[in-house]
């Protein structure tokens, strides 16, 4: 999103407007598809004229990029905080799983965009999104490696790590923040099954 002074923190009003643009843009892209949503429709939904909207975004593609990166930045920051606050790998693994499933339960539409519409990004933006995704996956790799080093689970290779993340990511299709099981309970059930299969002999 645009910030006229890159060294300044956006004023409260501007920050709220940017968050509204991100939220409404996510809703429109999810409902109509990225290519099926026009700037005119977006500006009307946000309640800003085209000129005012372009004060906050460079383009529709820029908005898709910011939606994607805002999700990934938050997930990376939360994962790094989990690693810093939990002393052992098992606690880190459980907390990472809960955070991931909770994210899918509360931001389904936004994550669907990250998964399905990344191809619409420019090569430069796509590279940044992929790099952020890889950084998040690297945190998982480090935690799983630490679990193996602690001796309570088997070593996990890249294929197995992707399978673990794929299983947790698939909960986005059905998990709900107000379902019979909380996102945290869903994550705990998944991790319980995983650890039974990965337990060291």
Protein backbone atom coordinates (compact mmCIF):
# COMPACT_ATOMS: atom_id res chain seq x y z
CA UNK A 1 0.00 0.00 0.00
CA UNK A 2 1.18 3.51 -0.65
CA UNK A 3 2.72 5.58 2.11
CA UNK A 4 3.74 9.01 0.89
CA UNK A 5 6.52 9.31 3.47
CA UNK A 6 8.27 5.91 3.75
CA UNK A 7 9.82 6.91 7.09
CA UNK A 8 6.51 7.91 8.66
CA UNK A 9 3.87 5.80 10.39
CA UNK A 10 0.45 6.24 8.72
CA UNK A 11 -2.03 8.36 10.64
CA UNK A 12 -4.89 6.52 12.30
CA UNK A 13 -7.38 7.59 9.63
CA UNK A 14 -5.13 6.52 6.79
CA UNK A 15 -4.35 3.21 8.50
CA UNK A 16 -8.07 2.50 8.93
CA UNK A 17 -8.70 3.34 5.27
CA UNK A 18 -5.93 1.00 4.14
CA UNK A 19 -7.28 -1.80 6.31
CA UNK A 20 -10.77 -1.20 4.86
CA UNK A 21 -9.38 -1.40 1.33
CA UNK A 22 -7.62 -4.67 2.16
CA UNK A 23 -10.75 -6.14 3.76
CA UNK A 24 -13.18 -5.11 1.02
CA UNK A 25 -10.71 -5.99 -1.73
CA UNK A 26 -10.39 -9.46 -0.24
CA UNK A 27 -14.17 -9.86 -0.14
CA UNK A 28 -14.63 -8.73 -3.75
CA UNK A 29 -11.75 -10.82 -5.13
CA UNK A 30 -13.03 -13.88 -3.25
CA UNK A 31 -16.60 -13.42 -4.47
CA UNK A 32 -15.99 -12.33 -8.08
CA UNK A 33 -12.45 -13.49 -8.73
CA UNK A 34 -9.46 -11.21 -9.15
CA UNK A 35 -10.00 -10.74 -12.89
CA UNK A 36 -13.75 -10.34 -12.39
CA UNK A 37 -13.34 -7.34 -10.07
CA UNK A 38 -12.78 -3.90 -11.58
CA UNK A 39 -11.28 -0.77 -10.07
CA UNK A 40 -14.61 1.05 -10.41
CA UNK A 41 -16.39 -1.66 -8.44
CA UNK A 42 -13.64 -1.61 -5.83
CA UNK A 43 -13.69 2.17 -5.44
CA UNK A 44 -17.49 2.16 -5.06
CA UNK A 45 -17.40 -0.63 -2.47
CA UNK A 46 -14.68 1.12 -0.46
CA UNK A 47 -16.46 4.47 -0.72
CA UNK A 48 -13.58 6.30 -2.39
CA UNK A 49 -13.31 7.90 -5.80
CA UNK A 50 -10.77 6.39 -8.21
CA UNK A 51 -8.32 9.20 -7.52
CA UNK A 52 -8.62 8.77 -3.75
CA UNK A 53 -8.27 4.99 -4.11
CA UNK A 54 -5.08 5.41 -6.12
CA UNK A 55 -3.73 7.49 -3.26
CA UNK A 56 -3.61 4.22 -1.31
CA UNK A 57 -2.82 1.62 -4.00
CA UNK A 58 -0.82 1.72 -7.21
CA UNK A 59 -3.04 -0.78 -9.01
CA UNK A 60 -5.45 -3.67 -8.52
CA UNK A 61 -2.46 -6.01 -8.75
CA UNK A 62 -0.75 -4.04 -6.00
CA UNK A 63 -3.79 -4.66 -3.79
CA UNK A 64 -3.67 -8.42 -4.43
CA UNK A 65 0.02 -8.37 -3.55
CA UNK A 66 -0.62 -6.49 -0.30
CA UNK A 67 -3.42 -8.88 0.67
CA UNK A 68 -1.04 -11.80 0.16
CA UNK A 69 1.92 -10.23 1.93
CA UNK A 70 -0.12 -8.95 4.90
CA UNK A 71 -1.22 -12.52 5.62
CA UNK A 72 2.25 -13.98 5.22
CA UNK A 73 3.95 -11.25 7.27
CA UNK A 74 1.52 -11.85 10.13
CA UNK A 75 2.02 -15.62 10.00
CA UNK A 76 5.80 -15.28 9.94
CA UNK A 77 5.77 -12.83 12.85
CA UNK A 78 3.49 -15.11 14.89
CA UNK A 79 5.63 -18.16 14.08
CA UNK A 80 8.81 -16.35 15.10
CA UNK A 81 7.15 -15.28 18.35
CA UNK A 82 6.06 -18.88 19.02
CA UNK A 83 9.63 -20.10 18.53
CA UNK A 84 11.01 -17.40 20.81
CA UNK A 85 8.51 -18.04 23.61
CA UNK A 86 8.50 -21.86 23.71
CA UNK A 87 11.62 -23.64 24.98
CA UNK A 88 11.12 -27.06 23.39
CA UNK A 89 10.27 -28.24 19.89
CA UNK A 90 7.10 -30.11 20.82
CA UNK A 91 5.50 -27.02 22.34
CA UNK A 92 6.57 -25.01 19.30
CA UNK A 93 5.10 -27.58 16.92
CA UNK A 94 1.76 -27.67 18.74
CA UNK A 95 1.56 -23.87 18.87
CA UNK A 96 2.47 -23.50 15.19
CA UNK A 97 -0.27 -25.95 14.21
CA UNK A 98 -2.87 -24.16 16.33
CA UNK A 99 -1.92 -20.80 14.85
CA UNK A 100 -2.10 -22.11 11.28
CA UNK A 101 -5.51 -23.79 11.65
CA UNK A 102 -6.87 -20.76 13.53
CA UNK A 103 -5.71 -18.53 10.68
CA UNK A 104 -7.52 -20.66 8.11
CA UNK A 105 -10.66 -20.69 10.24
CA UNK A 106 -10.80 -16.91 10.53
CA UNK A 107 -9.41 -15.75 7.15
CA UNK A 108 -10.59 -18.36 4.65
CA UNK A 109 -11.22 -15.95 1.78
CA UNK A 110 -7.88 -14.22 2.04
CA UNK A 111 -5.92 -17.48 2.12
CA UNK A 112 -7.90 -18.81 -0.84
CA UNK A 113 -6.71 -15.77 -2.79
CA UNK A 114 -3.09 -16.37 -1.84
CA UNK A 115 -3.37 -19.96 -3.07
CA UNK A 116 -5.38 -19.43 -6.27
CA UNK A 117 -4.53 -15.96 -7.54
CA UNK A 118 -0.76 -15.74 -7.05
CA UNK A 119 -0.36 -16.36 -10.78
CA UNK A 120 -1.93 -12.94 -11.43
CA UNK A 121 0.96 -11.16 -9.72
CA UNK A 122 3.89 -9.63 -11.58
CA UNK A 123 7.05 -11.77 -11.52
CA UNK A 124 8.64 -9.42 -8.96
CA UNK A 125 5.65 -9.55 -6.63
CA UNK A 126 5.24 -13.29 -7.10
CA UNK A 127 8.87 -13.79 -6.16
CA UNK A 128 8.36 -11.83 -2.93
CA UNK A 129 5.27 -13.87 -2.02
CA UNK A 130 7.09 -17.14 -2.71
CA UNK A 131 10.07 -15.96 -0.63
CA UNK A 132 7.75 -15.11 2.30
CA UNK A 133 6.02 -18.48 2.00
CA UNK A 134 9.40 -20.21 1.95
CA UNK A 135 10.45 -18.32 5.08
CA UNK A 136 7.34 -19.53 6.90
CA UNK A 137 7.97 -23.12 5.78
CA UNK A 138 11.59 -22.82 6.89
CA UNK A 139 10.43 -22.06 10.44
CA UNK A 140 8.45 -25.30 10.37
CA UNK A 141 11.48 -27.16 9.02
CA UNK A 142 13.65 -25.85 11.84
CA UNK A 143 11.10 -26.86 14.49
CA UNK A 144 10.69 -30.35 13.01
CA UNK A 145 14.47 -30.75 12.81
CA UNK A 146 14.72 -29.70 16.45
CA UNK A 147 12.12 -32.31 17.40
CA UNK A 148 14.21 -34.99 15.71
CA UNK A 149 17.35 -33.69 17.43
CA UNK A 150 15.58 -33.92 20.81
CA UNK A 151 14.96 -37.59 20.07
CA UNK A 152 11.19 -37.86 20.48
CA UNK A 153 10.33 -37.92 16.75
CA UNK A 154 11.79 -39.24 13.52
CA UNK A 155 13.65 -36.93 11.11
CA UNK A 156 11.31 -35.33 8.55
CA UNK A 157 12.38 -34.65 4.96
CA UNK A 158 11.02 -31.98 2.61
CA UNK A 159 8.33 -34.22 1.13
CA UNK A 160 7.04 -35.18 4.57
CA UNK A 161 7.14 -31.57 5.77
CA UNK A 162 5.07 -30.46 2.78
CA UNK A 163 2.61 -33.28 3.49
CA UNK A 164 2.25 -32.09 7.10
CA UNK A 165 1.62 -28.51 6.04
CA UNK A 166 -0.71 -29.69 3.28
CA UNK A 167 -2.79 -31.62 5.78
CA UNK A 168 -3.10 -28.60 8.08
CA UNK A 169 -3.76 -26.23 5.18
CA UNK A 170 -6.55 -28.49 3.92
CA UNK A 171 -8.58 -27.68 7.03
CA UNK A 172 -9.36 -24.35 5.34
CA UNK A 173 -12.04 -26.16 3.32
CA UNK A 174 -14.10 -27.12 6.35
CA UNK A 175 -12.86 -25.75 9.67
CA UNK A 176 -14.86 -22.90 11.19
CA UNK A 177 -14.13 -20.49 14.00
CA UNK A 178 -17.55 -21.32 15.50
CA UNK A 179 -17.67 -25.04 14.64
CA UNK A 180 -18.24 -27.97 16.98
CA UNK A 181 -14.48 -28.11 17.55
CA UNK A 182 -12.38 -24.99 17.98
CA UNK A 183 -9.53 -24.47 15.50
CA UNK A 184 -7.12 -25.24 18.33
CA UNK A 185 -8.85 -28.55 19.05
CA UNK A 186 -8.73 -29.43 15.35
CA UNK A 187 -5.01 -28.65 15.27
CA UNK A 188 -4.37 -30.73 18.39
CA UNK A 189 -6.12 -33.75 16.85
CA UNK A 190 -3.99 -33.42 13.71
CA UNK A 191 -0.76 -33.08 15.68
CA UNK A 192 -1.70 -36.07 17.86
CA UNK A 193 -2.09 -38.23 14.74
CA UNK A 194 1.12 -36.88 13.24
CA UNK A 195 3.20 -37.50 16.32
CA UNK A 196 1.96 -41.06 16.60
CA UNK A 197 3.29 -41.71 13.11
CA UNK A 198 6.49 -39.73 13.64
CA UNK A 199 7.35 -41.01 17.10
CA UNK A 200 10.90 -42.19 17.42
CA UNK A 201 11.31 -45.94 17.93
